[in-house]
Amino acid sequence: MARTRLTKNHKSRLRALLRGVKVVYTDLDNTLLGPGGSIFAAPDQSFSIKPAASLMKLLESGVDVVIVSGRNVNQLREIS
């Protein structure tokens, strides 16, 4: 996947737009969780703290995080 670099102006505008965000809804599989269902596994199976660090930044900023999943309740309990 190609990455796009944001200019300083774009970053500033993006930060201003995101200040109003109160809730983030996110899926688990292949979004927060990498291979093997681990929040610390990157897609290439290397170790990564990015998903966990992102959640912490959201929570520290007062943004609520809602987990959305196609898994059933029992499957969610298994990984929690």
PDB file of N, CA and C in Angstrom:
ATOM      1  N   MET A   1       0.832  -1.160   0.000  1.00  0.00           N
ATOM      2  CA  MET A   1       0.000   0.000   0.000  1.00  0.00           C
ATOM      3  C   MET A   1       0.891   1.243   0.000  1.00  0.00           C
ATOM      4  N   ALA A   2       0.628   2.152  -0.906  1.00  0.00           N
ATOM      5  CA  ALA A   2       1.408   3.379  -0.990  1.00  0.00           C
ATOM      6  C   ALA A   2       0.985   4.349   0.107  1.00  0.00           C
ATOM      7  N   ARG A   3       1.945   5.047   0.652  1.00  0.00           N
ATOM      8  CA  ARG A   3       1.654   6.042   1.685  1.00  0.00           C
ATOM      9  C   ARG A   3       1.695   7.426   1.078  1.00  0.00           C
ATOM     10  N   THR A   4       0.821   8.271   1.561  1.00  0.00           N
ATOM     11  CA  THR A   4       0.774   9.651   1.109  1.00  0.00           C
ATOM     12  C   THR A   4       1.308  10.542   2.220  1.00  0.00           C
ATOM     13  N   ARG A   5       2.194  11.424   1.889  1.00  0.00           N
ATOM     14  CA  ARG A   5       2.733  12.363   2.881  1.00  0.00           C
ATOM     15  C   ARG A   5       1.882  13.633   2.856  1.00  0.00           C
ATOM     16  N   LEU A   6       1.500  14.061   4.043  1.00  0.00           N
ATOM     17  CA  LEU A   6       0.700  15.271   4.155  1.00  0.00           C
ATOM     18  C   LEU A   6       1.610  16.477   4.341  1.00  0.00           C
ATOM     19  N   THR A   7       1.231  17.577   3.710  1.00  0.00           N
ATOM     20  CA  THR A   7       1.975  18.815   3.918  1.00  0.00           C
ATOM     21  C   THR A   7       1.592  19.386   5.277  1.00  0.00           C
ATOM     22  N   LYS A   8       2.355  20.342   5.754  1.00  0.00           N
ATOM     23  CA  LYS A   8       2.074  20.979   7.041  1.00  0.00           C
ATOM     24  C   LYS A   8       0.669  21.580   7.047  1.00  0.00           C
ATOM     25  N   ASN A   9       0.286  22.199   5.942  1.00  0.00           N
ATOM     26  CA  ASN A   9      -1.039  22.809   5.828  1.00  0.00           C
ATOM     27  C   ASN A   9      -2.134  21.751   5.927  1.00  0.00           C
ATOM     28  N   HIS A  10      -1.941  20.622   5.251  1.00  0.00           N
ATOM     29  CA  HIS A  10      -2.929  19.542   5.310  1.00  0.00           C
ATOM     30  C   HIS A  10      -3.046  18.982   6.724  1.00  0.00           C
ATOM     31  N   LYS A  11      -1.900  18.803   7.396  1.00  0.00           N
ATOM     32  CA  LYS A  11      -1.918  18.282   8.768  1.00  0.00           C
ATOM     33  C   LYS A  11      -2.685  19.219   9.688  1.00  0.00           C
ATOM     34  N   SER A  12      -2.448  20.498   9.531  1.00  0.00           N
ATOM     35  CA  SER A  12      -3.123  21.494  10.361  1.00  0.00           C
ATOM     36  C   SER A  12      -4.631  21.476  10.118  1.00  0.00           C
ATOM     37  N   ARG A  13      -5.034  21.405   8.869  1.00  0.00           N
ATOM     38  CA  ARG A  13      -6.467  21.352   8.535  1.00  0.00           C
ATOM     39  C   ARG A  13      -7.097  20.066   9.051  1.00  0.00           C
ATOM     40  N   LEU A  14      -6.378  18.956   8.924  1.00  0.00           N
ATOM     41  CA  LEU A  14      -6.885  17.671   9.397  1.00  0.00           C
ATOM     42  C   LEU A  14      -7.061  17.674  10.919  1.00  0.00           C
ATOM     43  N   ARG A  15      -6.079  18.208  11.633  1.00  0.00           N
ATOM     44  CA  ARG A  15      -6.199  18.304  13.097  1.00  0.00           C
ATOM     45  C   ARG A  15      -7.419  19.131  13.486  1.00  0.00           C
ATOM     46  N   ALA A  16      -7.642  20.236  12.804  1.00  0.00           N
ATOM     47  CA  ALA A  16      -8.795  21.093  13.099  1.00  0.00           C
ATOM     48  C   ALA A  16     -10.100  20.338  12.869  1.00  0.00           C
ATOM     49  N   LEU A  17     -10.172  19.582  11.788  1.00  0.00           N
ATOM     50  CA  LEU A  17     -11.384  18.812  11.498  1.00  0.00           C
ATOM     51  C   LEU A  17     -11.617  17.709  12.526  1.00  0.00           C
ATOM     52  N   LEU A  18     -10.551  17.082  12.986  1.00  0.00           N
ATOM     53  CA  LEU A  18     -10.676  15.956  13.909  1.00  0.00           C
ATOM     54  C   LEU A  18     -10.940  16.372  15.351  1.00  0.00           C
ATOM     55  N   ARG A  19     -10.770  17.649  15.665  1.00  0.00           N
ATOM     56  CA  ARG A  19     -11.022  18.110  17.034  1.00  0.00           C
ATOM     57  C   ARG A  19     -12.454  17.853  17.480  1.00  0.00           C
ATOM     58  N   GLY A  20     -13.378  17.822  16.555  1.00  0.00           N
ATOM     59  CA  GLY A  20     -14.780  17.613  16.894  1.00  0.00           C
ATOM     60  C   GLY A  20     -15.183  16.156  17.037  1.00  0.00           C
ATOM     61  N   VAL A  21     -14.266  15.241  16.793  1.00  0.00           N
ATOM     62  CA  VAL A  21     -14.593  13.816  16.861  1.00  0.00           C
ATOM     63  C   VAL A  21     -14.787  13.405  18.319  1.00  0.00           C
ATOM     64  N   LYS A  22     -15.923  12.776  18.597  1.00  0.00           N
ATOM     65  CA  LYS A  22     -16.241  12.327  19.956  1.00  0.00           C
ATOM     66  C   LYS A  22     -16.180  10.808  20.088  1.00  0.00           C
ATOM     67  N   VAL A  23     -16.432  10.101  18.968  1.00  0.00           N
ATOM     68  CA  VAL A  23     -16.499   8.641  18.991  1.00  0.00           C
ATOM     69  C   VAL A  23     -15.824   8.086  17.740  1.00  0.00           C
ATOM     70  N   VAL A  24     -15.059   7.008  17.911  1.00  0.00           N
ATOM     71  CA  VAL A  24     -14.484   6.277  16.779  1.00  0.00           C
ATOM     72  C   VAL A  24     -15.023   4.852  16.840  1.00  0.00           C
ATOM     73  N   TYR A  25     -15.596   4.403  15.749  1.00  0.00           N
ATOM     74  CA  TYR A  25     -16.074   3.026  15.614  1.00  0.00           C
ATOM     75  C   TYR A  25     -15.039   2.280  14.791  1.00  0.00           C
ATOM     76  N   THR A  26     -14.609   1.124  15.270  1.00  0.00           N
ATOM     77  CA  THR A  26     -13.591   0.373  14.544  1.00  0.00           C
ATOM     78  C   THR A  26     -13.871  -1.125  14.585  1.00  0.00           C
ATOM     79  N   ASP A  27     -13.525  -1.776  13.518  1.00  0.00           N
ATOM     80  CA  ASP A  27     -13.621  -3.228  13.420  1.00  0.00           C
ATOM     81  C   ASP A  27     -12.406  -3.838  14.124  1.00  0.00           C
ATOM     82  N   LEU A  28     -12.458  -5.122  14.363  1.00  0.00           N
ATOM     83  CA  LEU A  28     -11.332  -5.821  14.985  1.00  0.00           C
ATOM     84  C   LEU A  28     -10.414  -6.455  13.953  1.00  0.00           C
ATOM     85  N   ASP A  29     -10.912  -7.474  13.266  1.00  0.00           N
ATOM     86  CA  ASP A  29     -10.084  -8.286  12.377  1.00  0.00           C
ATOM     87  C   ASP A  29      -9.516  -7.481  11.220  1.00  0.00           C
ATOM     88  N   ASN A  30      -8.204  -7.557  11.075  1.00  0.00           N
ATOM     89  CA  ASN A  30      -7.457  -6.873  10.012  1.00  0.00           C
ATOM     90  C   ASN A  30      -7.562  -5.358  10.094  1.00  0.00           C
ATOM     91  N   THR A  31      -8.044  -4.845  11.206  1.00  0.00           N
ATOM     92  CA  THR A  31      -8.071  -3.405  11.448  1.00  0.00           C
ATOM     93  C   THR A  31      -7.250  -3.136  12.702  1.00  0.00           C
ATOM     94  N   LEU A  32      -7.747  -3.561  13.845  1.00  0.00           N
ATOM     95  CA  LEU A  32      -6.981  -3.456  15.094  1.00  0.00           C
ATOM     96  C   LEU A  32      -6.148  -4.699  15.356  1.00  0.00           C
ATOM     97  N   LEU A  33      -6.664  -5.840  14.939  1.00  0.00           N
ATOM     98  CA  LEU A  33      -5.976  -7.102  15.217  1.00  0.00           C
ATOM     99  C   LEU A  33      -5.255  -7.614  13.981  1.00  0.00           C
ATOM    100  N   GLY A  34      -4.012  -7.989  14.166  1.00  0.00           N
ATOM    101  CA  GLY A  34      -3.227  -8.545  13.072  1.00  0.00           C
ATOM    102  C   GLY A  34      -3.327 -10.055  13.042  1.00  0.00           C
ATOM    103  N   PRO A  35      -2.366 -10.715  12.405  1.00  0.00           N
ATOM    104  CA  PRO A  35      -2.368 -12.172  12.307  1.00  0.00           C
ATOM    105  C   PRO A  35      -2.458 -12.833  13.685  1.00  0.00           C
ATOM    106  N   GLY A  36      -3.265 -13.870  13.771  1.00  0.00           N
ATOM    107  CA  GLY A  36      -3.427 -14.581  15.030  1.00  0.00           C
ATOM    108  C   GLY A  36      -4.312 -13.851  16.018  1.00  0.00           C
ATOM    109  N   GLY A  37      -4.934 -12.763  15.581  1.00  0.00           N
ATOM    110  CA  GLY A  37      -5.829 -12.021  16.454  1.00  0.00           C
ATOM    111  C   GLY A  37      -5.121 -11.186  17.507  1.00  0.00           C
ATOM    112  N   SER A  38      -3.880 -10.789  17.254  1.00  0.00           N
ATOM    113  CA  SER A  38      -3.118 -10.010  18.227  1.00  0.00           C
ATOM    114  C   SER A  38      -3.101  -8.531  17.871  1.00  0.00           C
ATOM    115  N   ILE A  39      -3.322  -7.685  18.873  1.00  0.00           N
ATOM    116  CA  ILE A  39      -3.260  -6.237  18.650  1.00  0.00           C
ATOM    117  C   ILE A  39      -1.812  -5.786  18.430  1.00  0.00           C
ATOM    118  N   PHE A  40      -0.851  -6.641  18.768  1.00  0.00           N
ATOM    119  CA  PHE A  40       0.560  -6.291  18.614  1.00  0.00           C
ATOM    120  C   PHE A  40       1.214  -6.918  17.382  1.00  0.00           C
ATOM    121  N   ALA A  41       0.425  -7.552  16.512  1.00  0.00           N
ATOM    122  CA  ALA A  41       0.978  -8.171  15.302  1.00  0.00           C
ATOM    123  C   ALA A  41       0.633  -7.320  14.084  1.00  0.00           C
ATOM    124  N   ALA A  42       1.655  -6.897  13.366  1.00  0.00           N
ATOM    125  CA  ALA A  42       1.463  -6.151  12.122  1.00  0.00           C
ATOM    126  C   ALA A  42       1.079  -7.133  11.017  1.00  0.00           C
ATOM    127  N   PRO A  43       0.538  -6.628   9.904  1.00  0.00           N
ATOM    128  CA  PRO A  43       0.157  -7.526   8.805  1.00  0.00           C
ATOM    129  C   PRO A  43       1.289  -8.432   8.327  1.00  0.00           C
ATOM    130  N   ASP A  44       2.537  -7.956   8.428  1.00  0.00           N
ATOM    131  CA  ASP A  44       3.678  -8.789   8.008  1.00  0.00           C
ATOM    132  C   ASP A  44       4.161  -9.698   9.144  1.00  0.00           C
ATOM    133  N   GLN A  45       3.378  -9.785  10.215  1.00  0.00           N
ATOM    134  CA  GLN A  45       3.632 -10.617  11.397  1.00  0.00           C
ATOM    135  C   GLN A  45       4.773 -10.102  12.276  1.00  0.00           C
ATOM    136  N   SER A  46       5.242  -8.894  12.014  1.00  0.00           N
ATOM    137  CA  SER A  46       6.235  -8.293  12.907  1.00  0.00           C
ATOM    138  C   SER A  46       5.505  -7.680  14.109  1.00  0.00           C
ATOM    139  N   PHE A  47       6.260  -7.301  15.129  1.00  0.00           N
ATOM    140  CA  PHE A  47       5.694  -6.691  16.333  1.00  0.00           C
ATOM    141  C   PHE A  47       5.410  -5.216  16.071  1.00  0.00           C
ATOM    142  N   SER A  48       4.249  -4.742  16.511  1.00  0.00           N
ATOM    143  CA  SER A  48       3.905  -3.331  16.348  1.00  0.00           C
ATOM    144  C   SER A  48       3.037  -2.871  17.510  1.00  0.00           C
ATOM    145  N   ILE A  49       3.356  -1.691  18.035  1.00  0.00           N
ATOM    146  CA  ILE A  49       2.511  -1.127  19.088  1.00  0.00           C
ATOM    147  C   ILE A  49       1.548  -0.075  18.534  1.00  0.00           C
ATOM    148  N   LYS A  50       1.569   0.151  17.223  1.00  0.00           N
ATOM    149  CA  LYS A  50       0.758   1.219  16.629  1.00  0.00           C
ATOM    150  C   LYS A  50      -0.735   1.112  16.943  1.00  0.00           C
ATOM    151  N   PRO A  51      -1.375  -0.058  16.783  1.00  0.00           N
ATOM    152  CA  PRO A  51      -2.810  -0.113  17.098  1.00  0.00           C
ATOM    153  C   PRO A  51      -3.105   0.211  18.563  1.00  0.00           C
ATOM    154  N   ALA A  52      -2.330  -0.356  19.474  1.00  0.00           N
ATOM    155  CA  ALA A  52      -2.547  -0.102  20.903  1.00  0.00           C
ATOM    156  C   ALA A  52      -2.260   1.360  21.239  1.00  0.00           C
ATOM    157  N   ALA A  53      -1.195   1.911  20.674  1.00  0.00           N
ATOM    158  CA  ALA A  53      -0.848   3.313  20.922  1.00  0.00           C
ATOM    159  C   ALA A  53      -1.930   4.244  20.378  1.00  0.00           C
ATOM    160  N   SER A  54      -2.494   3.896  19.235  1.00  0.00           N
ATOM    161  CA  SER A  54      -3.572   4.709  18.657  1.00  0.00           C
ATOM    162  C   SER A  54      -4.795   4.718  19.560  1.00  0.00           C
ATOM    163  N   LEU A  55      -5.145   3.552  20.103  1.00  0.00           N
ATOM    164  CA  LEU A  55      -6.271   3.483  21.040  1.00  0.00           C
ATOM    165  C   LEU A  55      -6.002   4.340  22.271  1.00  0.00           C
ATOM    166  N   MET A  56      -4.799   4.264  22.794  1.00  0.00           N
ATOM    167  CA  MET A  56      -4.446   5.056  23.974  1.00  0.00           C
ATOM    168  C   MET A  56      -4.546   6.552  23.689  1.00  0.00           C
ATOM    169  N   LYS A  57      -4.071   6.986  22.525  1.00  0.00           N
ATOM    170  CA  LYS A  57      -4.145   8.406  22.170  1.00  0.00           C
ATOM    171  C   LYS A  57      -5.592   8.870  22.086  1.00  0.00           C
ATOM    172  N   LEU A  58      -6.442   8.034  21.496  1.00  0.00           N
ATOM    173  CA  LEU A  58      -7.860   8.381  21.408  1.00  0.00           C
ATOM    174  C   LEU A  58      -8.464   8.530  22.798  1.00  0.00           C
ATOM    175  N   LEU A  59      -8.235   7.538  23.651  1.00  0.00           N
ATOM    176  CA  LEU A  59      -8.806   7.562  24.995  1.00  0.00           C
ATOM    177  C   LEU A  59      -8.270   8.733  25.812  1.00  0.00           C
ATOM    178  N   GLU A  60      -6.980   9.014  25.695  1.00  0.00           N
ATOM    179  CA  GLU A  60      -6.383  10.145  26.408  1.00  0.00           C
ATOM    180  C   GLU A  60      -6.938  11.477  25.918  1.00  0.00           C
ATOM    181  N   SER A  61      -7.386  11.508  24.669  1.00  0.00           N
ATOM    182  CA  SER A  61      -7.957  12.726  24.090  1.00  0.00           C
ATOM    183  C   SER A  61      -9.443  12.864  24.391  1.00  0.00           C
ATOM    184  N   GLY A  62      -9.996  11.903  25.129  1.00  0.00           N
ATOM    185  CA  GLY A  62     -11.412  11.971  25.479  1.00  0.00           C
ATOM    186  C   GLY A  62     -12.343  11.438  24.407  1.00  0.00           C
ATOM    187  N   VAL A  63     -11.786  10.708  23.442  1.00  0.00           N
ATOM    188  CA  VAL A  63     -12.593  10.131  22.366  1.00  0.00           C
ATOM    189  C   VAL A  63     -13.013   8.722  22.778  1.00  0.00           C
ATOM    190  N   ASP A  64     -14.314   8.449  22.704  1.00  0.00           N
ATOM    191  CA  ASP A  64     -14.811   7.108  23.002  1.00  0.00           C
ATOM    192  C   ASP A  64     -14.488   6.180  21.839  1.00  0.00           C
ATOM    193  N   VAL A  65     -14.161   4.933  22.147  1.00  0.00           N
ATOM    194  CA  VAL A  65     -13.864   3.930  21.125  1.00  0.00           C
ATOM    195  C   VAL A  65     -14.903   2.824  21.234  1.00  0.00           C
ATOM    196  N   VAL A  66     -15.577   2.556  20.116  1.00  0.00           N
ATOM    197  CA  VAL A  66     -16.594   1.509  20.066  1.00  0.00           C
ATOM    198  C   VAL A  66     -16.103   0.427  19.114  1.00  0.00           C
ATOM    199  N   ILE A  67     -16.010  -0.800  19.634  1.00  0.00           N
ATOM    200  CA  ILE A  67     -15.569  -1.933  18.823  1.00  0.00           C
ATOM    201  C   ILE A  67     -16.773  -2.505  18.088  1.00  0.00           C
ATOM    202  N   VAL A  68     -16.633  -2.662  16.781  1.00  0.00           N
ATOM    203  CA  VAL A  68     -17.670  -3.235  15.934  1.00  0.00           C
ATOM    204  C   VAL A  68     -17.084  -4.503  15.332  1.00  0.00           C
ATOM    205  N   SER A  69     -17.867  -5.582  15.321  1.00  0.00           N
ATOM    206  CA  SER A  69     -17.313  -6.834  14.816  1.00  0.00           C
ATOM    207  C   SER A  69     -18.384  -7.708  14.195  1.00  0.00           C
ATOM    208  N   GLY A  70     -17.957  -8.537  13.270  1.00  0.00           N
ATOM    209  CA  GLY A  70     -18.830  -9.549  12.699  1.00  0.00           C
ATOM    210  C   GLY A  70     -18.837 -10.811  13.545  1.00  0.00           C
ATOM    211  N   ARG A  71     -17.995 -10.830  14.581  1.00  0.00           N
ATOM    212  CA  ARG A  71     -17.935 -11.991  15.470  1.00  0.00           C
ATOM    213  C   ARG A  71     -19.158 -12.000  16.386  1.00  0.00           C
ATOM    214  N   ASN A  72     -19.516 -13.195  16.857  1.00  0.00           N
ATOM    215  CA  ASN A  72     -20.620 -13.265  17.816  1.00  0.00           C
ATOM    216  C   ASN A  72     -20.082 -13.013  19.227  1.00  0.00           C
ATOM    217  N   VAL A  73     -20.979 -12.888  20.192  1.00  0.00           N
ATOM    218  CA  VAL A  73     -20.596 -12.541  21.561  1.00  0.00           C
ATOM    219  C   VAL A  73     -19.590 -13.529  22.150  1.00  0.00           C
ATOM    220  N   ASN A  74     -19.802 -14.824  21.941  1.00  0.00           N
ATOM    221  CA  ASN A  74     -18.873 -15.822  22.484  1.00  0.00           C
ATOM    222  C   ASN A  74     -17.478 -15.690  21.879  1.00  0.00           C
ATOM    223  N   GLN A  75     -17.401 -15.422  20.588  1.00  0.00           N
ATOM    224  CA  GLN A  75     -16.099 -15.248  19.943  1.00  0.00           C
ATOM    225  C   GLN A  75     -15.394 -14.006  20.489  1.00  0.00           C
ATOM    226  N   LEU A  76     -16.145 -12.955  20.748  1.00  0.00           N
ATOM    227  CA  LEU A  76     -15.549 -11.741  21.307  1.00  0.00           C
ATOM    228  C   LEU A  76     -15.024 -11.985  22.716  1.00  0.00           C
ATOM    229  N   ARG A  77     -15.749 -12.755  23.490  1.00  0.00           N
ATOM    230  CA  ARG A  77     -15.294 -13.067  24.851  1.00  0.00           C
ATOM    231  C   ARG A  77     -13.997 -13.870  24.822  1.00  0.00           C
ATOM    232  N   GLU A  78     -13.841 -14.733  23.823  1.00  0.00           N
ATOM    233  CA  GLU A  78     -12.626 -15.551  23.710  1.00  0.00           C
ATOM    234  C   GLU A  78     -11.384 -14.688  23.549  1.00  0.00           C
ATOM    235  N   ILE A  79     -11.501 -13.582  22.830  1.00  0.00           N
ATOM    236  CA  ILE A  79     -10.317 -12.758  22.561  1.00  0.00           C
ATOM    237  C   ILE A  79     -10.144 -11.621  23.554  1.00  0.00           C
ATOM    238  N   SER A  80     -11.129 -11.416  24.421  1.00  0.00           N
ATOM    239  CA  SER A  80     -11.017 -10.287  25.355  1.00  0.00           C
ATOM    240  C   SER A  80     -10.204 -10.625  26.580  1.00  0.00           C
TER     241      SER A  80
END
